[in-house]
């Protein structure tokens, strides 16, 4: 009986370890400044030619 409990404990440990490893072992996201909002006119006017 103790062999089954030991096996279940090892399986639980491996499950928790794999989940922890995949959650915290990635690259850190780089801090990027927010992009400025893009303003677009939708009133049907053509933009001025430059």
PDB file of N, CA and C in Angstrom:
ATOM      1  N   UNK A   1       0.829  -1.204   0.000  1.00  0.00           N
ATOM      2  CA  UNK A   1       0.000   0.000   0.000  1.00  0.00           C
ATOM      3  C   UNK A   1       0.870   1.265   0.000  1.00  0.00           C
ATOM      4  N   UNK A   2       1.967   1.200   0.741  1.00  0.00           N
ATOM      5  CA  UNK A   2       2.813   2.391   0.814  1.00  0.00           C
ATOM      6  C   UNK A   2       3.477   2.675  -0.524  1.00  0.00           C
ATOM      7  N   UNK A   3       3.665   1.648  -1.331  1.00  0.00           N
ATOM      8  CA  UNK A   3       4.254   1.852  -2.667  1.00  0.00           C
ATOM      9  C   UNK A   3       3.302   2.688  -3.528  1.00  0.00           C
ATOM     10  N   UNK A   4       1.996   2.425  -3.438  1.00  0.00           N
ATOM     11  CA  UNK A   4       1.025   3.206  -4.209  1.00  0.00           C
ATOM     12  C   UNK A   4       0.998   4.659  -3.746  1.00  0.00           C
ATOM     13  N   UNK A   5       1.089   4.872  -2.449  1.00  0.00           N
ATOM     14  CA  UNK A   5       1.106   6.245  -1.919  1.00  0.00           C
ATOM     15  C   UNK A   5       2.384   6.975  -2.359  1.00  0.00           C
ATOM     16  N   UNK A   6       3.488   6.276  -2.350  1.00  0.00           N
ATOM     17  CA  UNK A   6       4.747   6.871  -2.798  1.00  0.00           C
ATOM     18  C   UNK A   6       4.673   7.223  -4.281  1.00  0.00           C
ATOM     19  N   UNK A   7       4.132   6.339  -5.074  1.00  0.00           N
ATOM     20  CA  UNK A   7       3.996   6.596  -6.506  1.00  0.00           C
ATOM     21  C   UNK A   7       3.060   7.783  -6.770  1.00  0.00           C
ATOM     22  N   UNK A   8       1.949   7.847  -6.034  1.00  0.00           N
ATOM     23  CA  UNK A   8       1.024   8.972  -6.189  1.00  0.00           C
ATOM     24  C   UNK A   8       1.696  10.277  -5.769  1.00  0.00           C
ATOM     25  N   UNK A   9       2.506  10.251  -4.724  1.00  0.00           N
ATOM     26  CA  UNK A   9       3.222  11.443  -4.292  1.00  0.00           C
ATOM     27  C   UNK A   9       4.229  11.919  -5.327  1.00  0.00           C
ATOM     28  N   UNK A  10       4.955  10.977  -5.904  1.00  0.00           N
ATOM     29  CA  UNK A  10       5.929  11.329  -6.940  1.00  0.00           C
ATOM     30  C   UNK A  10       5.218  11.899  -8.163  1.00  0.00           C
ATOM     31  N   UNK A  11       4.098  11.297  -8.552  1.00  0.00           N
ATOM     32  CA  UNK A  11       3.345  11.798  -9.705  1.00  0.00           C
ATOM     33  C   UNK A  11       2.815  13.202  -9.432  1.00  0.00           C
ATOM     34  N   UNK A  12       2.315  13.444  -8.233  1.00  0.00           N
ATOM     35  CA  UNK A  12       1.830  14.782  -7.884  1.00  0.00           C
ATOM     36  C   UNK A  12       2.966  15.792  -7.894  1.00  0.00           C
ATOM     37  N   UNK A  13       4.113  15.415  -7.344  1.00  0.00           N
ATOM     38  CA  UNK A  13       5.260  16.304  -7.359  1.00  0.00           C
ATOM     39  C   UNK A  13       5.676  16.639  -8.791  1.00  0.00           C
ATOM     40  N   UNK A  14       5.723  15.636  -9.663  1.00  0.00           N
ATOM     41  CA  UNK A  14       6.100  15.889 -11.053  1.00  0.00           C
ATOM     42  C   UNK A  14       5.098  16.802 -11.745  1.00  0.00           C
ATOM     43  N   UNK A  15       3.823  16.608 -11.489  1.00  0.00           N
ATOM     44  CA  UNK A  15       2.801  17.472 -12.086  1.00  0.00           C
ATOM     45  C   UNK A  15       2.993  18.920 -11.642  1.00  0.00           C
ATOM     46  N   UNK A  16       3.154  19.130 -10.347  1.00  0.00           N
ATOM     47  CA  UNK A  16       3.342  20.492  -9.835  1.00  0.00           C
ATOM     48  C   UNK A  16       4.634  21.094 -10.372  1.00  0.00           C
ATOM     49  N   UNK A  17       5.692  20.303 -10.432  1.00  0.00           N
ATOM     50  CA  UNK A  17       6.966  20.801 -10.929  1.00  0.00           C
ATOM     51  C   UNK A  17       6.868  21.212 -12.396  1.00  0.00           C
ATOM     52  N   UNK A  18       6.222  20.398 -13.228  1.00  0.00           N
ATOM     53  CA  UNK A  18       6.093  20.719 -14.651  1.00  0.00           C
ATOM     54  C   UNK A  18       5.255  21.976 -14.847  1.00  0.00           C
ATOM     55  N   UNK A  19       4.173  22.122 -14.098  1.00  0.00           N
ATOM     56  CA  UNK A  19       3.347  23.326 -14.205  1.00  0.00           C
ATOM     57  C   UNK A  19       4.141  24.549 -13.763  1.00  0.00           C
ATOM     58  N   UNK A  20       4.859  24.441 -12.650  1.00  0.00           N
ATOM     59  CA  UNK A  20       5.658  25.564 -12.166  1.00  0.00           C
ATOM     60  C   UNK A  20       6.744  25.931 -13.178  1.00  0.00           C
ATOM     61  N   UNK A  21       7.387  24.939 -13.753  1.00  0.00           N
ATOM     62  CA  UNK A  21       8.470  25.179 -14.703  1.00  0.00           C
ATOM     63  C   UNK A  21       7.954  25.911 -15.942  1.00  0.00           C
ATOM     64  N   UNK A  22       6.800  25.492 -16.448  1.00  0.00           N
ATOM     65  CA  UNK A  22       6.283  26.118 -17.660  1.00  0.00           C
ATOM     66  C   UNK A  22       5.719  27.511 -17.391  1.00  0.00           C
ATOM     67  N   UNK A  23       5.281  27.779 -16.187  1.00  0.00           N
ATOM     68  CA  UNK A  23       4.737  29.103 -15.891  1.00  0.00           C
ATOM     69  C   UNK A  23       5.836  30.149 -15.713  1.00  0.00           C
ATOM     70  N   UNK A  24       6.936  29.782 -15.101  1.00  0.00           N
ATOM     71  CA  UNK A  24       7.929  30.780 -14.711  1.00  0.00           C
ATOM     72  C   UNK A  24       9.259  30.669 -15.438  1.00  0.00           C
ATOM     73  N   UNK A  25       9.398  29.797 -16.406  1.00  0.00           N
ATOM     74  CA  UNK A  25      10.691  29.605 -17.042  1.00  0.00           C
ATOM     75  C   UNK A  25      10.762  30.216 -18.439  1.00  0.00           C
ATOM     76  N   UNK A  26       9.940  31.210 -18.742  1.00  0.00           N
ATOM     77  CA  UNK A  26       9.981  31.828 -20.060  1.00  0.00           C
ATOM     78  C   UNK A  26      10.822  33.088 -20.052  1.00  0.00           C
ATOM     79  N   UNK A  27      10.952  33.686 -21.224  1.00  0.00           N
ATOM     80  CA  UNK A  27      11.649  34.965 -21.309  1.00  0.00           C
ATOM     81  C   UNK A  27      10.798  36.041 -20.666  1.00  0.00           C
ATOM     82  N   UNK A  28      11.447  36.978 -20.044  1.00  0.00           N
ATOM     83  CA  UNK A  28      10.736  38.114 -19.465  1.00  0.00           C
ATOM     84  C   UNK A  28      10.318  39.055 -20.589  1.00  0.00           C
ATOM     85  N   UNK A  29       9.086  39.528 -20.583  1.00  0.00           N
ATOM     86  CA  UNK A  29       8.686  40.466 -21.641  1.00  0.00           C
ATOM     87  C   UNK A  29       9.419  41.791 -21.478  1.00  0.00           C
ATOM     88  N   UNK A  30       9.834  42.343 -22.601  1.00  0.00           N
ATOM     89  CA  UNK A  30      10.546  43.615 -22.562  1.00  0.00           C
ATOM     90  C   UNK A  30       9.549  44.738 -22.314  1.00  0.00           C
ATOM     91  N   UNK A  31       9.977  45.692 -21.542  1.00  0.00           N
ATOM     92  CA  UNK A  31       9.110  46.830 -21.256  1.00  0.00           C
ATOM     93  C   UNK A  31       9.128  47.772 -22.456  1.00  0.00           C
ATOM     94  N   UNK A  32       7.996  47.961 -23.073  1.00  0.00           N
ATOM     95  CA  UNK A  32       7.883  48.855 -24.225  1.00  0.00           C
ATOM     96  C   UNK A  32       6.964  50.011 -23.853  1.00  0.00           C
ATOM     97  N   UNK A  33       7.313  51.212 -24.303  1.00  0.00           N
ATOM     98  CA  UNK A  33       6.395  52.323 -24.040  1.00  0.00           C
ATOM     99  C   UNK A  33       5.120  52.143 -24.859  1.00  0.00           C
ATOM    100  N   UNK A  34       4.009  52.613 -24.341  1.00  0.00           N
ATOM    101  CA  UNK A  34       2.765  52.459 -25.111  1.00  0.00           C
ATOM    102  C   UNK A  34       2.816  53.243 -26.408  1.00  0.00           C
ATOM    103  N   UNK A  35       2.238  52.678 -27.438  1.00  0.00           N
ATOM    104  CA  UNK A  35       2.219  53.328 -28.745  1.00  0.00           C
ATOM    105  C   UNK A  35       1.274  54.524 -28.700  1.00  0.00           C
ATOM    106  N   UNK A  36       1.645  55.619 -29.382  1.00  0.00           N
ATOM    107  CA  UNK A  36       0.745  56.779 -29.396  1.00  0.00           C
ATOM    108  C   UNK A  36      -0.534  56.440 -30.165  1.00  0.00           C
ATOM    109  N   UNK A  37      -1.645  56.976 -29.742  1.00  0.00           N
ATOM    110  CA  UNK A  37      -2.894  56.680 -30.461  1.00  0.00           C
ATOM    111  C   UNK A  37      -2.879  57.290 -31.849  1.00  0.00           C
ATOM    112  N   UNK A  38      -3.417  56.568 -32.801  1.00  0.00           N
ATOM    113  CA  UNK A  38      -3.475  57.054 -34.171  1.00  0.00           C
ATOM    114  C   UNK A  38      -4.851  57.668 -34.398  1.00  0.00           C
ATOM    115  N   UNK A  39      -4.833  58.906 -34.860  1.00  0.00           N
ATOM    116  CA  UNK A  39      -6.075  59.627 -35.093  1.00  0.00           C
ATOM    117  C   UNK A  39      -6.401  59.547 -36.582  1.00  0.00           C
ATOM    118  N   UNK A  40      -7.601  59.082 -36.897  1.00  0.00           N
ATOM    119  CA  UNK A  40      -8.030  58.993 -38.298  1.00  0.00           C
ATOM    120  C   UNK A  40      -9.359  59.712 -38.433  1.00  0.00           C
ATOM    121  N   UNK A  41      -9.482  60.451 -39.525  1.00  0.00           N
ATOM    122  CA  UNK A  41     -10.748  61.142 -39.795  1.00  0.00           C
ATOM    123  C   UNK A  41     -11.650  60.227 -40.599  1.00  0.00           C
ATOM    124  N   UNK A  42     -12.902  60.223 -40.239  1.00  0.00           N
ATOM    125  CA  UNK A  42     -13.877  59.407 -40.956  1.00  0.00           C
ATOM    126  C   UNK A  42     -15.023  60.272 -41.473  1.00  0.00           C
ATOM    127  N   UNK A  43     -14.720  61.529 -41.767  1.00  0.00           N
ATOM    128  CA  UNK A  43     -15.796  62.417 -42.210  1.00  0.00           C
ATOM    129  C   UNK A  43     -15.864  62.535 -43.732  1.00  0.00           C
ATOM    130  N   UNK A  44     -15.121  61.701 -44.448  1.00  0.00           N
ATOM    131  CA  UNK A  44     -15.202  61.688 -45.899  1.00  0.00           C
ATOM    132  C   UNK A  44     -14.291  62.655 -46.596  1.00  0.00           C
ATOM    133  N   UNK A  45     -13.525  63.447 -45.865  1.00  0.00           N
ATOM    134  CA  UNK A  45     -12.626  64.419 -46.492  1.00  0.00           C
ATOM    135  C   UNK A  45     -11.329  63.715 -46.886  1.00  0.00           C
ATOM    136  N   UNK A  46     -10.779  64.147 -48.002  1.00  0.00           N
ATOM    137  CA  UNK A  46      -9.489  63.651 -48.446  1.00  0.00           C
ATOM    138  C   UNK A  46      -8.405  64.342 -47.633  1.00  0.00           C
ATOM    139  N   UNK A  47      -7.334  63.665 -47.319  1.00  0.00           N
ATOM    140  CA  UNK A  47      -6.238  64.331 -46.610  1.00  0.00           C
ATOM    141  C   UNK A  47      -5.553  65.335 -47.552  1.00  0.00           C
ATOM    142  N   UNK A  48      -5.036  66.423 -47.018  1.00  0.00           N
ATOM    143  CA  UNK A  48      -4.382  67.411 -47.886  1.00  0.00           C
ATOM    144  C   UNK A  48      -3.147  66.820 -48.553  1.00  0.00           C
ATOM    145  N   UNK A  49      -2.941  67.186 -49.813  1.00  0.00           N
ATOM    146  CA  UNK A  49      -1.774  66.707 -50.562  1.00  0.00           C
ATOM    147  C   UNK A  49      -0.542  67.482 -50.106  1.00  0.00           C
ATOM    148  N   UNK A  50       0.533  66.783 -49.875  1.00  0.00           N
ATOM    149  CA  UNK A  50       1.741  67.487 -49.448  1.00  0.00           C
ATOM    150  C   UNK A  50       2.857  67.346 -50.441  1.00  0.00           C
TER     151      UNK A  50
END
